[in-house]
Amino acid sequence: MAKSLQDEIETARQTIRSESMSMSVGEIANLYRSEEIVIRPEFQRLFRWDVEQKSRLVESLLLGIPVPSVFVMQREDGIWEVIDGLQRLSTILEFMGELRDEATKEPIEPSILRGTQYLSNLEGASYEDGVDGAQTSLTPGQRLGLKRAKIDLKILLPESDDKAKFELFDRLNTGGSPLSAQEIRNAQLLMRDPSLYEWLEALRKDFNFQQTIAITERLYDEAYDMELVCRFFALIWSSDTDLKNIGNIDNYVSNKIFSTIGDKAFDRASEGKRFSAIFSHLQAALDDDAFKKFEGNRFVGGFSVSAFETITVGIARNADVWLLDDLEPATLRERVAHWWGNTTFRSGSKAGSNAASRLPKTLPEARDFFSTVK
């Protein structure tokens, strides 16, 4: 008998066990100091609020304006890990001089605020005296008021379903979120399978890969190089049927990563070697021209994601042709240049094209085109 809506609601509710409490800023700082509430180093790179956002949060706490809840995951050992609220907690701890670089354990320089809509005298203010560059500081009474400000915590308990943890993070950080799709995916990877994240992160650092992609600093800040590693593996393991049902590319890449690369049967060692070999050959043949447009007998412009998708998949699916030790770099360079004359690819790589419409056409074409050296 089919389940009713109420049956589905009751079943789904069992996947998440949580509780709520209100805690003062001072209590949270004490927990952080004693490492009873932690921010993983990989999550800390997501902390990139500007000074105006930081100042507005401190203003809200000083004025008693409610701020959104912070979500933490309680580990089996009782330690809380921040799932959502990283920006808020990091802002508070940084201002108080408590925040540390979780990778090195070194303290981070306390922040200095700007004047806000209601508190113009926050301009140049630090939490305490002695901060370089600060024009003023909070008084003892103001510091006490900030430490007594309350924040609501939602605690995801250990008995919650593992998949529910990263699903919760995804729902909390989509729709108007400042995080990129890959930053959210990174957090999901860390919560679901840290070893998979570490494997992908090691490939992201591959010298030849970094030499060929040549992306902007802004894209690096948004973890776009990791996005490209994930997209590479998602697409080389996609069938034509998969490609016809992509829909949202961000969701598709995440689902494919977890269902394919996250599978125990996936040979990470072998696939890692293939990844490294592909980018070693591309770097030798094209260096940072690898994914630029070929026009007028030369490579021009910036990084093209459609070129990245098709060239890497075309080579990966024809490894017996392109990953030979005696392959002349000029042969691969010439083939990539000729790819830009392919009408299906040129049409699909136009500005404004979306992945769902272009990939079902361009990837099968690329697999066929790169099956030969001429």
Protein backbone atom coordinates (compact mmCIF):
# COMPACT_ATOMS: atom_id res chain seq x y z
CA MET A 1 0.00 0.00 0.00
CA ALA A 2 1.34 3.41 -0.99
CA LYS A 3 2.42 5.78 1.75
CA SER A 4 0.26 8.79 2.50
CA LEU A 5 1.64 12.32 2.81
CA GLN A 6 1.36 12.02 6.60
CA ASP A 7 3.31 8.75 6.55
CA GLU A 8 6.09 10.44 4.56
CA ILE A 9 6.15 13.40 6.96
CA GLU A 10 6.44 11.17 10.02
CA THR A 11 9.14 8.99 8.43
CA ALA A 12 11.22 11.98 7.32
CA ARG A 13 10.97 13.56 10.76
CA GLN A 14 12.78 10.57 12.20
CA THR A 15 15.91 11.36 10.16
CA ILE A 16 16.75 14.52 12.10
CA ARG A 17 16.99 14.71 15.89
CA SER A 18 17.62 18.15 17.30
CA GLU A 19 17.19 20.44 20.25
CA SER A 20 17.31 24.19 20.77
CA MET A 21 18.79 26.47 23.37
CA SER A 22 19.66 30.11 23.88
CA MET A 23 23.26 30.89 24.81
CA SER A 24 25.12 34.11 25.54
CA VAL A 25 27.97 35.36 23.37
CA GLY A 26 30.28 35.01 26.37
CA GLU A 27 29.31 31.36 26.87
CA ILE A 28 29.89 30.62 23.18
CA ALA A 29 33.32 32.31 23.35
CA ASN A 30 34.21 30.15 26.36
CA LEU A 31 33.18 26.98 24.51
CA TYR A 32 35.24 28.03 21.50
CA ARG A 33 38.26 28.82 23.67
CA SER A 34 38.12 25.35 25.22
CA GLU A 35 37.51 23.75 21.78
CA GLU A 36 34.08 22.42 22.75
CA ILE A 37 32.63 24.19 19.71
CA VAL A 38 34.80 24.00 16.60
CA ILE A 39 35.04 25.41 13.11
CA ARG A 40 36.76 23.01 10.73
CA PRO A 41 39.72 24.55 8.87
CA GLU A 42 38.09 23.76 5.52
CA PHE A 43 34.95 25.62 6.57
CA GLN A 44 36.96 28.63 7.75
CA ARG A 45 37.93 29.54 4.19
CA LEU A 46 34.22 30.27 3.64
CA PHE A 47 34.47 33.17 6.11
CA ARG A 48 34.69 36.23 3.91
CA TRP A 49 32.27 38.84 5.25
CA ASP A 50 33.33 42.43 4.61
CA VAL A 51 33.74 44.98 7.39
CA GLU A 52 30.27 46.48 6.85
CA GLN A 53 28.58 43.11 7.34
CA LYS A 54 30.66 42.50 10.46
CA SER A 55 29.80 45.93 11.86
CA ARG A 56 26.08 45.43 11.28
CA LEU A 57 26.13 42.14 13.18
CA VAL A 58 27.88 43.69 16.20
CA GLU A 59 25.43 46.59 16.00
CA SER A 60 22.51 44.13 16.14
CA LEU A 61 23.94 42.40 19.22
CA LEU A 62 24.61 45.68 21.04
CA LEU A 63 21.08 46.91 20.28
CA GLY A 64 19.41 43.63 21.21
CA ILE A 65 18.16 42.99 17.69
CA PRO A 66 17.61 39.21 17.18
CA VAL A 67 20.03 37.50 14.81
CA PRO A 68 19.41 34.24 12.92
CA SER A 69 19.96 30.95 14.73
CA VAL A 70 23.28 29.15 14.58
CA PHE A 71 23.15 25.45 13.65
CA VAL A 72 25.70 23.03 15.07
CA MET A 73 26.18 19.30 14.72
CA GLN A 74 26.91 17.39 17.93
CA ARG A 75 29.55 14.73 17.37
CA GLU A 76 29.65 11.41 19.18
CA ASP A 77 32.24 12.87 21.58
CA GLY A 78 29.91 15.74 22.47
CA ILE A 79 31.86 18.42 20.58
CA TRP A 80 29.76 20.83 18.50
CA GLU A 81 30.75 21.51 14.90
CA VAL A 82 29.29 24.57 13.19
CA ILE A 83 27.05 23.71 10.23
CA ASP A 84 25.46 27.10 9.60
CA GLY A 85 26.31 30.40 11.25
CA LEU A 86 30.03 30.31 10.50
CA GLN A 87 30.02 33.91 9.30
CA ARG A 88 28.20 35.14 12.39
CA LEU A 89 30.24 33.22 14.96
CA SER A 90 33.53 34.04 13.23
CA THR A 91 32.64 37.74 13.14
CA ILE A 92 31.88 37.81 16.87
CA LEU A 93 34.96 35.82 17.84
CA GLU A 94 37.23 37.85 15.56
CA PHE A 95 35.97 41.12 17.02
CA MET A 96 36.54 39.82 20.55
CA GLY A 97 40.08 38.72 19.66
CA GLU A 98 39.23 35.04 20.20
CA LEU A 99 39.22 33.75 16.61
CA ARG A 100 42.15 31.58 15.57
CA ASP A 101 43.29 30.10 12.29
CA GLU A 102 42.11 26.53 12.79
CA ALA A 103 44.80 25.17 10.50
CA THR A 104 47.72 26.77 12.39
CA LYS A 105 46.03 27.56 15.73
CA GLU A 106 47.49 31.09 15.47
CA PRO A 107 45.26 33.98 16.66
CA ILE A 108 43.70 36.14 13.97
CA GLU A 109 44.10 39.92 14.26
CA PRO A 110 40.98 41.41 15.95
CA SER A 111 38.72 43.34 13.60
CA ILE A 112 38.03 47.07 13.63
CA LEU A 113 34.48 48.17 12.82
CA ARG A 114 32.87 50.92 10.80
CA GLY A 115 30.08 53.24 11.79
CA THR A 116 26.60 51.84 11.19
CA GLN A 117 23.13 53.22 10.61
CA TYR A 118 22.31 53.53 14.32
CA LEU A 119 25.80 53.50 15.85
CA SER A 120 27.99 55.93 13.93
CA ASN A 121 30.52 55.87 16.81
CA LEU A 122 31.44 52.29 15.95
CA GLU A 123 33.68 53.88 13.30
CA GLY A 124 37.23 52.68 14.01
CA ALA A 125 36.13 50.77 17.13
CA SER A 126 37.76 47.63 18.46
CA TYR A 127 36.57 45.33 21.25
CA GLU A 128 39.43 46.20 23.61
CA ASP A 129 42.27 48.70 23.73
CA GLY A 130 45.58 47.94 22.05
CA VAL A 131 44.41 46.92 18.59
CA ASP A 132 46.61 48.49 15.90
CA GLY A 133 44.71 51.00 13.79
CA ALA A 134 41.73 51.30 16.14
CA GLN A 135 40.53 54.81 17.01
CA THR A 136 38.47 53.79 20.02
CA SER A 137 37.22 50.70 21.85
CA LEU A 138 34.14 49.48 23.66
CA THR A 139 33.81 50.44 27.30
CA PRO A 140 33.79 47.70 29.96
CA GLY A 141 30.02 48.04 30.21
CA GLN A 142 29.58 47.74 26.44
CA ARG A 143 31.80 44.67 26.35
CA LEU A 144 29.73 43.11 29.13
CA GLY A 145 26.54 43.91 27.21
CA LEU A 146 27.91 42.23 24.10
CA LYS A 147 28.94 39.12 26.05
CA ARG A 148 25.46 38.89 27.57
CA ALA A 149 23.72 39.12 24.18
CA LYS A 150 21.84 35.91 23.39
CA ILE A 151 22.06 33.72 20.31
CA ASP A 152 19.71 30.84 19.54
CA LEU A 153 21.42 27.53 18.81
CA LYS A 154 19.88 24.61 16.97
CA ILE A 155 21.74 21.42 17.80
CA LEU A 156 21.65 18.47 15.40
CA LEU A 157 22.10 15.39 17.59
CA PRO A 158 24.38 12.43 16.74
CA GLU A 159 21.51 10.02 16.10
CA SER A 160 20.41 12.07 13.07
CA ASP A 161 20.77 10.38 9.69
CA ASP A 162 24.13 11.20 8.06
CA LYS A 163 22.53 12.32 4.79
CA ALA A 164 20.25 14.66 6.73
CA LYS A 165 23.27 16.59 7.99
CA PHE A 166 24.49 17.76 4.62
CA GLU A 167 20.92 18.13 3.33
CA LEU A 168 20.31 20.56 6.19
CA PHE A 169 23.45 22.52 5.32
CA ASP A 170 22.37 22.70 1.68
CA ARG A 171 18.92 24.04 2.56
CA LEU A 172 20.31 26.58 5.00
CA ASN A 173 22.85 27.89 2.48
CA THR A 174 20.91 28.16 -0.76
CA GLY A 175 18.66 30.97 -1.91
CA GLY A 176 20.33 34.34 -1.44
CA SER A 177 23.39 32.80 0.20
CA PRO A 178 26.81 34.39 -0.29
CA LEU A 179 28.37 30.93 -0.63
CA SER A 180 29.14 29.56 -4.07
CA ALA A 181 27.74 26.21 -5.18
CA GLN A 182 31.15 24.61 -4.71
CA GLU A 183 31.62 26.04 -1.22
CA ILE A 184 28.34 24.42 -0.25
CA ARG A 185 29.44 21.20 -1.98
CA ASN A 186 32.74 21.29 -0.05
CA ALA A 187 30.84 21.43 3.22
CA GLN A 188 28.62 18.56 2.12
CA LEU A 189 31.70 16.52 1.20
CA LEU A 190 33.28 17.19 4.58
CA MET A 191 30.17 16.17 6.47
CA ARG A 192 29.48 13.08 4.39
CA ASP A 193 32.94 11.75 3.44
CA PRO A 194 36.03 13.74 4.52
CA SER A 195 38.33 11.30 2.69
CA LEU A 196 36.59 12.11 -0.62
CA TYR A 197 37.03 15.81 0.02
CA GLU A 198 40.72 15.31 0.79
CA TRP A 199 41.19 13.25 -2.40
CA LEU A 200 39.55 15.91 -4.56
CA GLU A 201 41.47 18.66 -2.76
CA ALA A 202 44.78 16.92 -3.51
CA LEU A 203 43.86 16.79 -7.21
CA ARG A 204 42.87 20.46 -7.12
CA LYS A 205 46.44 21.30 -6.11
CA ASP A 206 47.92 19.43 -9.08
CA PHE A 207 50.49 21.77 -10.66
CA ASN A 208 49.58 21.01 -14.27
CA PHE A 209 45.86 21.39 -13.60
CA GLN A 210 46.43 24.81 -12.05
CA GLN A 211 48.69 25.88 -14.93
CA THR A 212 46.06 25.08 -17.55
CA ILE A 213 42.91 26.59 -16.03
CA ALA A 214 44.13 30.19 -15.57
CA ILE A 215 41.02 31.48 -13.78
CA THR A 216 40.55 34.83 -12.01
CA GLU A 217 41.28 35.52 -8.34
CA ARG A 218 37.56 36.00 -7.70
CA LEU A 219 36.85 32.51 -9.00
CA TYR A 220 39.63 31.09 -6.85
CA ASP A 221 38.05 32.78 -3.82
CA GLU A 222 34.78 31.03 -4.65
CA ALA A 223 36.52 27.61 -4.92
CA TYR A 224 35.91 27.41 -8.66
CA ASP A 225 39.05 25.35 -9.22
CA MET A 226 37.55 22.67 -6.96
CA GLU A 227 34.29 23.04 -8.89
CA LEU A 228 36.20 22.19 -12.08
CA VAL A 229 37.69 19.05 -10.52
CA CYS A 230 34.21 17.92 -9.46
CA ARG A 231 32.73 18.78 -12.84
CA PHE A 232 35.49 16.81 -14.60
CA PHE A 233 34.66 13.60 -12.72
CA ALA A 234 30.91 14.09 -12.90
CA LEU A 235 31.00 14.53 -16.67
CA ILE A 236 33.44 11.78 -17.66
CA TRP A 237 31.15 9.34 -15.83
CA SER A 238 27.97 10.63 -17.49
CA SER A 239 26.11 8.61 -20.09
CA ASP A 240 24.17 10.22 -22.93
CA THR A 241 20.98 9.51 -20.99
CA ASP A 242 22.42 11.25 -17.92
CA LEU A 243 23.31 14.28 -20.02
CA LYS A 244 19.78 14.59 -21.37
CA ASN A 245 18.45 14.83 -17.81
CA ILE A 246 20.94 17.25 -16.25
CA GLY A 247 18.55 19.99 -15.15
CA ASN A 248 20.41 22.18 -12.66
CA ILE A 249 24.14 21.64 -13.21
CA ASP A 250 25.09 22.31 -9.58
CA ASN A 251 22.68 19.69 -8.28
CA TYR A 252 23.70 17.30 -11.03
CA VAL A 253 27.42 17.55 -10.22
CA SER A 254 26.79 17.04 -6.49
CA ASN A 255 24.56 14.01 -7.04
CA LYS A 256 26.99 12.48 -9.53
CA ILE A 257 29.95 13.01 -7.22
CA PHE A 258 28.24 11.23 -4.33
CA SER A 259 26.71 8.43 -6.40
CA THR A 260 29.76 7.68 -8.54
CA ILE A 261 32.99 8.84 -6.93
CA GLY A 262 31.57 8.29 -3.47
CA ASP A 263 30.89 4.64 -4.30
CA LYS A 264 33.24 2.16 -2.63
CA ALA A 265 33.90 0.47 -5.99
CA PHE A 266 35.34 3.66 -7.46
CA ASP A 267 39.12 3.29 -7.97
CA ARG A 268 40.47 6.59 -6.67
CA ALA A 269 44.12 5.66 -7.26
CA SER A 270 43.56 4.81 -10.93
CA GLU A 271 41.28 7.78 -11.57
CA GLY A 272 43.70 10.14 -9.85
CA LYS A 273 46.49 8.96 -12.16
CA ARG A 274 44.28 9.51 -15.20
CA PHE A 275 43.45 13.03 -14.00
CA SER A 276 47.13 13.87 -13.51
CA ALA A 277 48.13 12.39 -16.87
CA ILE A 278 45.47 14.37 -18.76
CA PHE A 279 46.56 17.69 -17.31
CA SER A 280 50.25 16.84 -17.68
CA HIS A 281 49.72 16.37 -21.42
CA LEU A 282 47.55 19.50 -21.69
CA GLN A 283 50.10 21.58 -19.86
CA ALA A 284 52.96 20.35 -22.06
CA ALA A 285 50.97 21.03 -25.22
CA LEU A 286 49.10 24.23 -24.38
CA ASP A 287 49.95 25.51 -20.88
CA ASP A 288 47.43 28.27 -20.03
CA ASP A 289 46.06 28.29 -23.60
CA ALA A 290 44.39 24.93 -22.95
CA PHE A 291 40.88 26.29 -22.40
CA LYS A 292 41.03 29.56 -24.29
CA LYS A 293 39.26 30.27 -27.57
CA PHE A 294 41.21 29.58 -30.76
CA GLU A 295 40.68 32.33 -33.31
CA GLY A 296 42.82 33.85 -36.02
CA ASN A 297 45.55 31.22 -35.70
CA ARG A 298 46.07 31.84 -31.99
CA PHE A 299 44.49 31.23 -28.60
CA VAL A 300 42.83 34.33 -27.15
CA GLY A 301 40.70 35.50 -24.24
CA GLY A 302 40.06 33.95 -20.86
CA PHE A 303 39.05 30.58 -19.51
CA SER A 304 36.13 28.85 -21.27
CA VAL A 305 34.17 26.36 -19.17
CA SER A 306 32.65 24.77 -22.29
CA ALA A 307 36.19 24.17 -23.62
CA PHE A 308 37.21 22.66 -20.30
CA GLU A 309 34.22 20.31 -20.25
CA THR A 310 34.60 19.05 -23.79
CA ILE A 311 38.38 18.85 -24.14
CA THR A 312 38.93 17.05 -20.83
CA VAL A 313 36.06 14.61 -21.42
CA GLY A 314 37.18 14.03 -25.01
CA ILE A 315 40.70 13.16 -23.89
CA ALA A 316 39.61 11.15 -20.82
CA ARG A 317 37.26 8.97 -22.86
CA ASN A 318 39.99 8.39 -25.45
CA ALA A 319 42.90 7.82 -23.11
CA ASP A 320 44.42 5.17 -25.40
CA VAL A 321 44.86 7.85 -28.07
CA TRP A 322 46.05 10.83 -26.03
CA LEU A 323 47.82 9.57 -22.92
CA LEU A 324 50.76 7.92 -24.70
CA ASP A 325 54.26 8.72 -23.45
CA ASP A 326 55.55 9.33 -26.97
CA LEU A 327 52.71 11.63 -28.03
CA GLU A 328 54.07 14.88 -29.44
CA PRO A 329 52.66 17.94 -27.61
CA ALA A 330 52.16 19.64 -30.97
CA THR A 331 49.72 16.90 -31.99
CA LEU A 332 47.42 17.61 -29.05
CA ARG A 333 47.77 21.37 -29.49
CA GLU A 334 46.73 21.10 -33.13
CA ARG A 335 43.74 18.87 -32.30
CA VAL A 336 42.48 21.28 -29.62
CA ALA A 337 42.83 24.18 -32.06
CA HIS A 338 40.80 22.26 -34.66
CA TRP A 339 38.11 21.55 -32.04
CA TRP A 340 37.23 25.23 -32.11
CA GLY A 341 36.19 24.80 -35.74
CA ASN A 342 33.56 22.21 -34.82
CA THR A 343 30.14 23.71 -35.49
CA THR A 344 28.35 21.80 -32.70
CA PHE A 345 30.89 22.97 -30.15
CA ARG A 346 30.97 26.56 -31.42
CA SER A 347 27.20 26.75 -31.20
CA GLY A 348 27.13 25.27 -27.69
CA SER A 349 29.96 27.43 -26.35
CA LYS A 350 28.35 30.76 -27.16
CA ALA A 351 27.97 33.26 -24.33
CA GLY A 352 24.80 32.63 -22.35
CA SER A 353 24.53 28.94 -23.16
CA ASN A 354 23.57 26.81 -20.17
CA ALA A 355 24.95 23.41 -19.26
CA ALA A 356 21.63 21.58 -19.48
CA SER A 357 21.19 22.54 -23.14
CA ARG A 358 24.81 22.39 -24.36
CA LEU A 359 26.25 19.28 -22.71
CA PRO A 360 23.90 16.69 -24.30
CA LYS A 361 25.18 17.97 -27.67
CA THR A 362 28.81 18.95 -27.08
CA LEU A 363 30.06 16.03 -24.97
CA PRO A 364 29.06 13.20 -27.34
CA GLU A 365 30.56 15.27 -30.18
CA ALA A 366 33.79 15.76 -28.21
CA ARG A 367 34.08 12.04 -27.42
CA ASP A 368 33.88 11.30 -31.13
CA PHE A 369 36.13 14.18 -32.24
CA PHE A 370 38.99 13.24 -29.88
CA SER A 371 38.81 9.55 -30.82
CA THR A 372 41.44 10.24 -33.49
CA VAL A 373 44.47 12.52 -33.77
CA LYS A 374 43.32 13.92 -37.15
